[in-house]
Protein backbone atom coordinates (compact mmCIF):
# COMPACT_ATOMS: atom_id res chain seq x y z
CA MET A 1 90.89 94.30 66.19
CA GLN A 2 88.88 91.14 65.22
CA ASP A 3 86.50 89.74 68.00
CA CYS A 4 86.77 92.83 69.89
CA LYS A 5 85.87 92.48 73.64
CA ARG A 6 84.63 95.71 75.06
CA ALA A 7 83.76 96.94 78.39
CA GLN A 8 80.93 99.07 78.76
CA VAL A 9 81.17 101.99 81.50
CA THR A 10 79.34 105.08 82.52
CA VAL A 11 80.26 108.11 84.50
CA ASP A 12 77.48 110.53 85.41
CA PHE A 13 78.64 114.10 86.26
CA SER A 14 75.17 115.15 87.71
CA LYS A 15 75.90 112.78 90.69
CA GLY A 16 78.48 114.03 92.86
CA ARG A 17 80.56 111.79 95.09
CA GLY A 18 82.39 114.31 97.28
CA LYS A 19 86.21 115.79 97.02
CA LEU A 20 88.94 114.32 95.72
CA ARG A 21 90.96 113.06 98.44
CA LYS A 22 94.57 114.51 97.68
CA LEU A 23 96.48 113.07 100.39
CA LEU A 24 96.13 109.58 98.60
CA HIS A 25 98.68 110.94 96.08
CA GLY A 26 101.84 110.73 98.29
CA VAL A 27 105.19 109.55 97.81
CA ASN A 28 108.30 108.38 99.62
CA TYR A 29 111.48 110.21 98.63
CA MET A 30 112.28 113.69 97.43
CA PRO A 31 114.35 115.13 94.78
CA ASN A 32 118.02 113.93 95.40
CA ILE A 33 120.36 116.86 96.46
CA SER A 34 123.66 114.95 97.06
CA SER A 35 124.03 114.50 93.08
CA GLN A 36 121.81 117.38 92.04
CA SER A 37 124.62 119.01 90.01
CA ILE A 38 124.97 115.85 87.85
CA PHE A 39 121.19 114.96 87.68
CA ASP A 40 118.41 117.21 88.85
CA PHE A 41 115.03 115.53 88.94
CA SER A 42 113.14 118.66 90.48
CA GLU A 43 111.33 119.63 87.36
CA ASP A 44 110.28 116.17 86.35
CA TYR A 45 109.30 115.42 89.98
CA ALA A 46 107.22 118.61 90.10
CA LYS A 47 105.00 117.52 87.27
CA MET A 48 103.63 114.40 89.43
CA HIS A 49 102.31 117.00 91.81
CA PHE A 50 102.52 114.77 94.75
CA THR A 51 100.79 116.26 97.80
CA VAL A 52 102.96 114.84 100.35
CA ALA A 53 106.70 113.56 100.37
CA ARG A 54 107.70 111.03 103.22
CA THR A 55 111.22 111.45 104.36
CA HIS A 56 112.00 107.77 105.09
CA ASP A 57 115.40 106.47 103.65
CA GLN A 58 116.53 109.83 102.60
CA ALA A 59 120.01 109.14 103.87
CA LEU A 60 120.18 106.17 101.52
CA ASN A 61 118.88 108.46 98.64
CA ASN A 62 121.61 111.23 99.28
CA ALA A 63 124.98 109.57 99.72
CA GLY A 64 127.31 111.21 102.11
CA GLN A 65 124.87 113.61 103.46
CA ARG A 66 123.89 114.08 107.22
CA ILE A 67 120.36 114.13 106.45
CA VAL A 68 116.77 113.60 107.97
CA ASP A 69 117.70 110.77 110.31
CA THR A 70 117.67 111.65 113.93
CA HIS A 71 121.15 110.42 114.75
CA LEU A 72 122.56 112.19 111.69
CA ILE A 73 120.82 115.57 112.82
CA PHE A 74 121.80 115.01 116.54
CA SER A 75 124.89 112.82 116.48
CA ARG A 76 125.94 112.88 120.32
CA PHE A 77 123.01 111.18 121.89
CA ASP A 78 124.27 112.25 125.60
CA ALA A 79 124.45 115.94 124.56
CA ASP A 80 121.98 118.74 125.67
CA ALA A 81 118.80 118.53 123.47
CA GLU A 82 117.95 122.07 124.52
CA ASP A 83 121.29 123.19 122.78
CA GLU A 84 120.76 124.17 119.02
CA LYS A 85 124.58 123.84 118.73
CA ASN A 86 124.25 120.09 119.00
CA TYR A 87 122.02 119.56 115.99
CA PHE A 88 123.02 119.67 112.23
CA PHE A 89 120.11 120.74 110.25
CA ASP A 90 121.75 122.43 107.01
CA ALA A 91 121.42 119.35 104.72
CA THR A 92 117.95 118.50 105.90
CA ASP A 93 117.00 122.42 105.45
CA HIS A 94 117.99 122.35 101.79
CA LEU A 95 116.24 119.06 100.92
CA LEU A 96 113.05 120.08 102.33
CA GLN A 97 113.08 123.55 100.97
CA THR A 98 113.96 121.75 97.58
CA THR A 99 110.83 119.63 98.02
CA LEU A 100 108.48 122.52 98.86
CA LYS A 101 109.73 124.43 95.74
CA CYS A 102 108.44 121.17 93.77
CA GLY A 103 104.76 122.21 95.34
CA THR A 104 104.80 119.23 97.76
CA GLN A 105 104.61 119.35 101.42
CA ILE A 106 106.66 117.26 103.97
CA TYR A 107 105.51 114.06 105.94
CA TYR A 108 108.51 113.59 108.24
CA ARG A 109 109.45 110.28 109.58
CA LEU A 110 111.24 110.82 112.81
CA GLY A 111 113.93 107.92 113.46
CA THR A 112 116.31 106.22 111.07
CA SER A 113 116.43 104.57 107.72
CA ILE A 114 116.58 100.91 107.08
CA GLU A 115 119.81 99.14 107.45
CA HIS A 116 120.71 96.49 104.95
CA THR A 117 124.05 95.36 106.73
CA LEU A 118 124.50 92.00 108.10
CA ASP A 119 122.33 90.97 110.91
CA ASP A 120 125.12 91.21 113.52
CA HIS A 121 126.34 94.60 112.09
CA HIS A 122 123.36 96.97 112.51
CA PHE A 123 124.52 100.54 113.83
CA ASN A 124 121.53 102.89 113.83
CA THR A 125 118.60 100.93 114.63
CA ARG A 126 119.57 99.84 118.18
CA VAL A 127 117.29 100.78 121.16
CA PRO A 128 117.84 104.39 122.40
CA ALA A 129 119.30 104.47 125.85
CA ASP A 130 116.97 106.93 126.91
CA PHE A 131 113.70 107.31 125.61
CA GLN A 132 112.88 110.68 127.33
CA GLN A 133 116.05 112.10 125.94
CA TYR A 134 115.03 110.58 122.41
CA ALA A 135 111.67 112.52 122.52
CA LYS A 136 113.39 115.83 123.47
CA ILE A 137 115.59 115.44 120.51
CA LEU A 138 112.66 114.65 118.17
CA SER A 139 111.06 117.87 119.97
CA GLY A 140 113.99 120.12 118.96
CA ILE A 141 113.66 119.06 115.17
CA ILE A 142 109.80 119.75 115.32
CA ARG A 143 110.45 123.05 116.70
CA HIS A 144 113.13 123.79 114.00
CA TYR A 145 110.86 123.05 111.21
CA ASN A 146 107.55 124.48 112.59
CA TYR A 147 108.49 126.92 114.99
CA GLY A 148 111.23 128.75 114.06
CA TRP A 149 113.73 127.42 116.63
CA ALA A 150 117.53 127.31 115.97
CA ASN A 151 117.40 129.74 112.89
CA GLY A 152 114.59 127.49 111.68
CA PHE A 153 111.49 127.66 109.74
CA HIS A 154 107.48 127.79 109.80
CA MET A 155 107.07 125.03 107.24
CA ASN A 156 103.80 123.97 108.74
CA ILE A 157 104.82 120.25 108.32
CA PRO A 158 101.40 118.57 108.36
CA ILE A 159 102.42 115.04 109.30
CA TRP A 160 105.02 113.57 111.82
CA GLU A 161 105.69 110.09 112.03
CA ILE A 162 107.71 107.94 114.63
CA TRP A 163 109.98 105.31 113.59
CA ASN A 164 109.77 102.79 110.60
CA GLU A 165 109.34 99.06 110.42
CA ALA A 166 110.30 98.09 113.85
CA ASP A 167 108.41 94.68 113.15
CA LEU A 168 111.00 93.79 110.45
CA GLY A 169 113.73 92.94 113.02
CA GLY A 170 117.28 94.34 113.32
CA LYS A 171 117.25 96.13 109.95
CA CYS A 172 114.76 98.69 111.73
CA TRP A 173 114.91 97.71 115.35
CA MET A 174 117.30 95.81 117.24
CA GLY A 175 114.92 95.45 120.54
CA THR A 176 112.08 93.44 121.31
CA ARG A 177 108.32 94.13 120.72
CA GLU A 178 107.76 95.31 124.16
CA GLU A 179 110.58 97.52 124.14
CA PHE A 180 109.21 99.28 120.92
CA VAL A 181 105.81 99.50 122.19
CA ASP A 182 107.30 101.33 125.38
CA PHE A 183 109.59 103.39 123.23
CA PHE A 184 106.84 104.48 120.77
CA CYS A 185 104.07 105.32 123.58
CA THR A 186 106.80 107.34 125.69
CA VAL A 187 107.96 109.36 122.59
CA LEU A 188 104.33 109.86 121.52
CA LYS A 189 103.07 110.96 124.81
CA TYR A 190 106.10 113.39 125.16
CA LEU A 191 105.52 114.83 121.71
CA LYS A 192 101.82 115.26 121.95
CA THR A 193 102.16 116.91 125.34
CA GLU A 194 104.35 119.54 123.84
CA PHE A 195 102.71 119.86 120.50
CA PRO A 196 98.93 119.03 120.99
CA ASN A 197 98.06 120.49 117.64
CA GLU A 198 100.58 118.58 115.57
CA THR A 199 99.48 115.39 113.83
CA ILE A 200 101.61 112.67 115.12
CA GLY A 201 101.52 109.10 114.88
CA GLY A 202 103.04 105.82 113.32
CA PRO A 203 104.55 103.25 113.90
CA ALA A 204 105.03 102.50 110.24
CA LEU A 205 104.95 98.78 110.51
CA CYS A 206 105.98 96.69 107.55
CA GLY A 207 102.59 94.83 107.38
CA PHE A 208 99.22 94.66 109.13
CA HIS A 209 100.33 93.01 112.29
CA GLU A 210 97.88 93.13 115.05
CA ASP A 211 100.38 91.59 117.39
CA TRP A 212 102.18 94.73 117.26
CA LEU A 213 99.27 97.15 116.68
CA VAL A 214 97.13 95.93 119.64
CA PRO A 215 99.72 96.59 122.53
CA ILE A 216 100.23 99.99 121.09
CA LEU A 217 96.61 100.65 121.03
CA GLU A 218 95.97 99.38 124.43
CA ARG A 219 98.79 101.43 125.86
CA CYS A 220 97.46 104.50 124.21
CA LYS A 221 94.15 103.91 125.43
CA ALA A 222 95.20 103.09 129.05
CA GLU A 223 97.25 106.24 129.49
CA ASN A 224 95.01 108.37 127.15
CA ILE A 225 97.91 109.06 124.85
CA PRO A 226 96.61 110.91 121.53
CA LEU A 227 97.32 108.95 118.47
CA ASP A 228 96.60 110.88 115.42
CA PHE A 229 97.14 108.11 112.68
CA ILE A 230 98.38 104.46 112.58
CA SER A 231 100.71 103.64 109.69
CA TRP A 232 101.66 100.59 107.78
CA HIS A 233 103.18 99.24 104.50
CA ALA A 234 102.13 96.66 101.82
CA TYR A 235 103.74 95.71 98.79
CA TRP A 236 101.30 93.57 96.85
CA PHE A 237 99.69 93.32 93.09
CA GLU A 238 96.14 92.78 94.12
CA PRO A 239 94.12 95.95 94.20
CA ALA A 240 91.00 94.65 96.03
CA ALA A 241 93.29 93.07 98.69
CA LEU A 242 95.16 96.09 99.69
CA ILE A 243 91.81 98.14 99.67
CA ASN A 244 90.16 95.57 101.95
CA GLU A 245 93.31 96.27 104.40
CA SER A 246 92.09 99.74 104.97
CA PHE A 247 88.57 98.31 106.10
CA CYS A 248 90.46 96.03 108.51
CA MET A 249 92.57 98.73 109.83
CA ARG A 250 89.51 101.17 110.47
CA GLU A 251 87.61 98.15 112.30
CA LEU A 252 90.65 97.54 114.53
CA LEU A 253 90.89 101.15 115.52
CA ASP A 254 87.16 101.52 116.07
CA ARG A 255 87.04 98.43 118.11
CA TYR A 256 89.70 99.89 120.51
CA GLY A 257 87.81 103.40 120.47
CA PHE A 258 90.33 105.14 118.26
CA THR A 259 87.23 106.25 115.86
CA GLU A 260 89.05 109.62 115.02
CA THR A 261 92.61 108.06 114.32
CA GLY A 262 93.57 108.34 110.78
CA ILE A 263 94.92 105.37 108.63
CA HIS A 264 98.03 106.03 106.39
CA LEU A 265 99.43 103.48 104.15
CA ASN A 266 102.77 105.20 103.66
CA GLU A 267 104.84 102.52 101.81
CA TRP A 268 103.28 100.64 98.78
CA HIS A 269 104.23 99.48 95.46
CA TYR A 270 103.22 96.93 92.96
CA LEU A 271 105.13 93.80 93.57
CA GLU A 272 104.62 90.18 92.72
CA THR A 273 107.70 88.72 94.38
CA TRP A 274 110.76 89.90 96.50
CA ASP A 275 113.06 87.66 94.34
CA GLY A 276 115.47 89.53 92.61
CA LEU A 277 115.14 92.62 95.15
CA SER A 278 115.86 91.29 98.69
CA ARG A 279 116.25 87.61 98.34
CA ASN A 280 117.43 85.33 95.49
CA VAL A 281 119.38 88.16 94.00
CA ASN A 282 121.13 87.45 90.80
CA PRO A 283 121.11 88.88 87.35
CA GLU A 284 118.33 86.79 86.22
CA THR A 285 115.89 87.32 88.90
CA PHE A 286 116.86 91.21 89.02
CA HIS A 287 116.12 91.39 85.24
CA GLU A 288 112.81 89.71 85.60
CA ILE A 289 111.41 91.51 88.60
CA MET A 290 112.36 95.02 87.02
CA PHE A 291 111.81 94.52 83.17
CA GLY A 292 109.92 91.31 82.95
CA GLU A 293 106.38 91.12 81.70
CA LYS A 294 105.12 91.67 85.19
CA GLY A 295 108.13 93.75 86.38
CA MET A 296 108.16 96.67 88.67
CA HIS A 297 108.56 99.26 86.02
CA GLY A 298 105.94 98.06 83.30
CA CYS A 299 102.23 98.86 82.33
CA ASP A 300 100.96 96.31 85.02
CA SER A 301 102.62 98.37 87.77
CA ALA A 302 101.69 101.86 86.16
CA CYS A 303 97.89 100.64 86.19
CA TYR A 304 98.08 99.18 89.43
CA ASN A 305 99.06 102.91 90.54
CA ALA A 306 95.88 104.42 88.97
CA ALA A 307 93.73 101.27 90.49
CA MET A 308 94.90 102.00 94.02
CA PHE A 309 94.47 105.94 93.85
CA ILE A 310 90.97 105.24 92.36
CA GLY A 311 89.79 102.58 94.74
CA TRP A 312 90.92 104.18 97.87
CA HIS A 313 88.49 107.00 97.25
CA ASP A 314 85.63 104.47 98.14
CA SER A 315 87.51 103.22 101.31
CA PRO A 316 88.54 104.44 104.70
CA MET A 317 92.14 105.22 103.65
CA ASP A 318 93.13 108.76 104.60
CA CYS A 319 96.65 108.98 103.33
CA SER A 320 98.82 106.77 101.03
CA CYS A 321 102.59 107.23 99.90
CA TYR A 322 104.15 105.57 96.98
CA TYR A 323 107.71 104.00 97.31
CA GLY A 324 109.19 105.78 95.86
CA ALA A 325 111.13 108.51 93.96
CA GLY A 326 114.60 107.33 94.58
CA PHE A 327 117.63 108.51 92.58
CA PRO A 328 118.39 106.39 89.32
CA SER A 329 121.14 103.97 89.68
CA LYS A 330 122.10 100.22 88.40
CA PHE A 331 119.60 99.17 91.31
CA SER A 332 116.88 101.77 90.50
CA ALA A 333 113.92 99.65 91.74
CA TRP A 334 112.38 102.24 93.70
CA GLY A 335 112.26 105.02 91.57
CA PHE A 336 110.79 106.51 88.29
CA HIS A 337 113.81 105.79 85.98
CA ASP A 338 115.33 102.84 84.04
CA GLN A 339 119.14 102.12 84.25
CA THR A 340 119.57 104.65 81.30
CA PHE A 341 117.92 107.40 83.14
CA GLY A 342 114.85 107.16 81.09
CA LEU A 343 111.45 107.70 82.83
CA THR A 344 109.32 104.61 83.06
CA ALA A 345 105.62 103.96 82.91
CA ASN A 346 105.49 104.23 86.59
CA TYR A 347 106.49 107.93 86.23
CA TYR A 348 103.80 108.82 83.48
CA SER A 349 100.90 107.10 85.45
CA MET A 350 101.84 109.35 88.61
CA LYS A 351 102.08 112.23 86.22
CA MET A 352 98.64 111.57 84.89
CA ILE A 353 97.18 111.00 88.44
CA GLY A 354 99.08 114.09 89.56
CA GLU A 355 97.16 116.30 86.99
CA ILE A 356 93.99 114.67 88.46
CA VAL A 357 95.15 115.94 91.78
CA HIS A 358 96.38 119.25 90.81
CA GLU A 359 93.65 120.62 88.69
CA TYR A 360 90.44 118.97 89.83
CA GLU A 361 88.48 119.02 92.99
CA ASP A 362 85.20 116.98 92.77
CA ARG A 363 84.43 113.33 91.92
CA PHE A 364 81.11 111.91 90.42
CA GLU A 365 79.35 108.60 89.96
CA ALA A 366 81.02 105.72 87.92
CA GLN A 367 79.26 102.47 87.00
CA GLY A 368 80.68 99.52 85.31
CA GLY A 369 83.99 98.96 87.01
CA ASN A 370 85.29 95.71 88.10
CA ALA A 371 88.36 93.98 89.70
CA ASN A 372 90.20 94.94 86.36
CA LEU A 373 88.57 98.28 85.29
CA TRP A 374 88.79 101.07 87.60
CA LEU A 375 87.56 104.71 86.62
CA LEU A 376 87.24 108.09 88.36
CA PRO A 377 85.37 111.10 86.93
CA VAL A 378 86.18 114.38 88.17
CA CYS A 379 85.69 118.21 87.40
CA ASP A 380 87.45 121.18 88.61
CA ALA A 381 86.16 123.82 91.24
CA GLU A 382 84.68 126.12 88.65
CA LYS A 383 82.97 123.49 86.64
CA LYS A 384 84.86 124.75 83.58
CA LYS A 385 86.55 121.28 82.85
CA GLY A 386 86.27 117.65 83.49
CA ALA A 387 88.08 114.56 83.19
CA VAL A 388 87.99 110.75 83.38
CA LEU A 389 90.91 108.64 84.75
CA LEU A 390 90.58 105.03 83.56
CA ALA A 391 92.58 102.08 84.04
CA ASP A 392 92.26 98.50 82.66
CA TYR A 393 94.69 96.51 85.10
CA ARG A 394 95.38 93.13 83.47
CA GLY A 395 91.80 93.32 81.81
CA ARG A 396 91.14 91.09 78.68
CA TYR A 397 89.30 94.24 76.98
CA ASP A 398 90.35 95.46 73.59
CA ALA A 399 88.31 98.48 74.00
CA VAL A 400 86.13 100.58 76.60
CA GLU A 401 82.95 102.18 75.59
CA LEU A 402 82.70 105.05 78.03
CA LYS A 403 79.34 106.92 78.30
CA ILE A 404 79.49 110.35 79.83
CA GLU A 405 76.19 111.81 81.24
CA GLY A 406 75.34 114.74 82.89
CA VAL A 407 77.46 117.01 80.71
CA SER A 408 75.41 117.85 77.68
CA ALA A 409 77.45 120.85 76.79
CA ALA A 410 80.83 118.97 76.99
CA LYS A 411 83.15 119.85 74.02
CA ASN A 412 87.10 119.37 73.02
CA PHE A 413 87.46 116.05 73.92
CA LYS A 414 90.96 114.67 74.22
CA CYS A 415 92.71 111.64 75.28
CA ARG A 416 96.18 110.24 76.29
CA ILE A 417 97.06 106.63 76.60
CA LEU A 418 99.65 104.71 78.77
CA ASP A 419 100.56 101.12 78.20
CA GLN A 420 103.92 99.03 77.54
CA GLU A 421 105.13 101.18 74.63
CA ASN A 422 103.07 104.44 74.53
CA MET A 423 103.96 106.87 77.36
CA GLU A 424 101.15 109.31 77.84
CA THR A 425 100.61 109.44 73.93
CA GLU A 426 97.57 111.46 72.66
CA ILE A 427 95.20 109.51 70.61
CA PRO A 428 92.02 110.59 68.47
CA ILE A 429 88.60 110.27 69.78
CA GLU A 430 85.30 111.17 69.09
CA PHE A 431 82.33 111.76 71.44
CA VAL A 432 79.35 110.30 69.54
CA ALA A 433 75.73 110.11 71.12
CA GLY A 434 77.09 110.66 74.53
CA LYS A 435 79.90 107.76 74.11
CA LEU A 436 83.61 107.58 73.73
CA THR A 437 85.37 104.47 72.39
CA LEU A 438 88.64 104.16 73.93
CA ILE A 439 90.68 101.53 71.86
CA LYS A 440 93.70 99.65 73.29
CA LYS A 441 96.62 99.64 71.09
CA MET A 442 98.08 96.42 72.89
CA PRO A 443 96.57 93.50 74.76
CA VAL A 444 98.09 94.74 77.82
CA SER A 445 97.30 97.03 80.82
CA THR A 446 96.45 100.32 79.95
CA MET A 447 95.58 103.68 81.17
CA PHE A 448 93.43 106.41 79.49
CA LEU A 449 93.09 110.01 80.77
CA VAL A 450 90.06 111.87 78.86
CA THR A 451 89.77 115.41 79.37
CA PHE A 452 87.29 117.97 78.10
CA ASP A 453 85.57 121.40 78.46
CA LEU A 454 82.14 121.98 80.12
């Protein structure tokens, strides 16, 4: 390339930065089971090595199945919550077992999926008539999956979340904010009393909304209700802004005395606009948001995924779940496939990140990164192999000069590239005088994964 603009960065394997935080690599959705005989995503899903999979919206991802959502497992609200005959677990059992076979643990959202019905026709997001009864039903679900009740399991599901996006309105909660705070705190108190050792929290707000968060924190503090984590969602395209939200959430929790409460961003995705998805939907806007230059399935989105995973390692974020791994369809916005069932750049970016999560343990010092350039040096537990994950998100660089220190005996260097046309393609590299030169193939957002033996 003429007039090549090169970034210069350094990683130092003699300066440790602690362990990889593997809960930062989570996802929404599991492998679809309702159409598994037609299209089985399990094998490709497993290659992304997600640490946890959140169960939200599984009823939307598995057409016709009575699955995950509380009202689908326990359909008669006034029935005896202590009688196992009133629960239908079979479909959810199969879904969770399928996910566990992929090597991914469960992040169980208790409650209901979103309803995209008209505003005056929401059916499953109505305020429960009896909060204590609802808590008892949720208790039965937890007992079934973690304590063997009702011919159940000991899955050791690590995270239980109460509800989803009540602040979005009728699509997720038809009541008032005050009613939701009462509901959430009543259910949380009941469940933490019965299951003090389970990790339980929520409320999975659709944004960082203090007018919803503060009443919950005040109520929990006043009644000494344990709150293991707070969760919320963000769809955006500026890594620094989203990373900053984790610091804001940490400050808010600490201010109210919840210094041990975890912070979970358990829905996120690269997104510049909702036009074409949930507003102003027409063929032109849909095509642009899906496949345009800055669309949801291009190299910008793929590199954004890596930037977030890398950036959150230097933030208070405890857990994140990408949205999502949905079943491919004509409206396959929230998955890893295009409309022809082909795998997208998002898939390959998550596969590269998953390789880091699955095969490496320790991270190290990196210098030279900026708002566009993100890098993460790692090595495995036995100190036998190392890697550097690098993402140039919307950068204007043609190449990156990567200086690697602290690994004088390193050998067998290999590199894979991901951009708009190259999906994890291996490219030749030479380690000369302690440096690698990573040359982009296109002037677009680009990921590199460098691996080597120690």
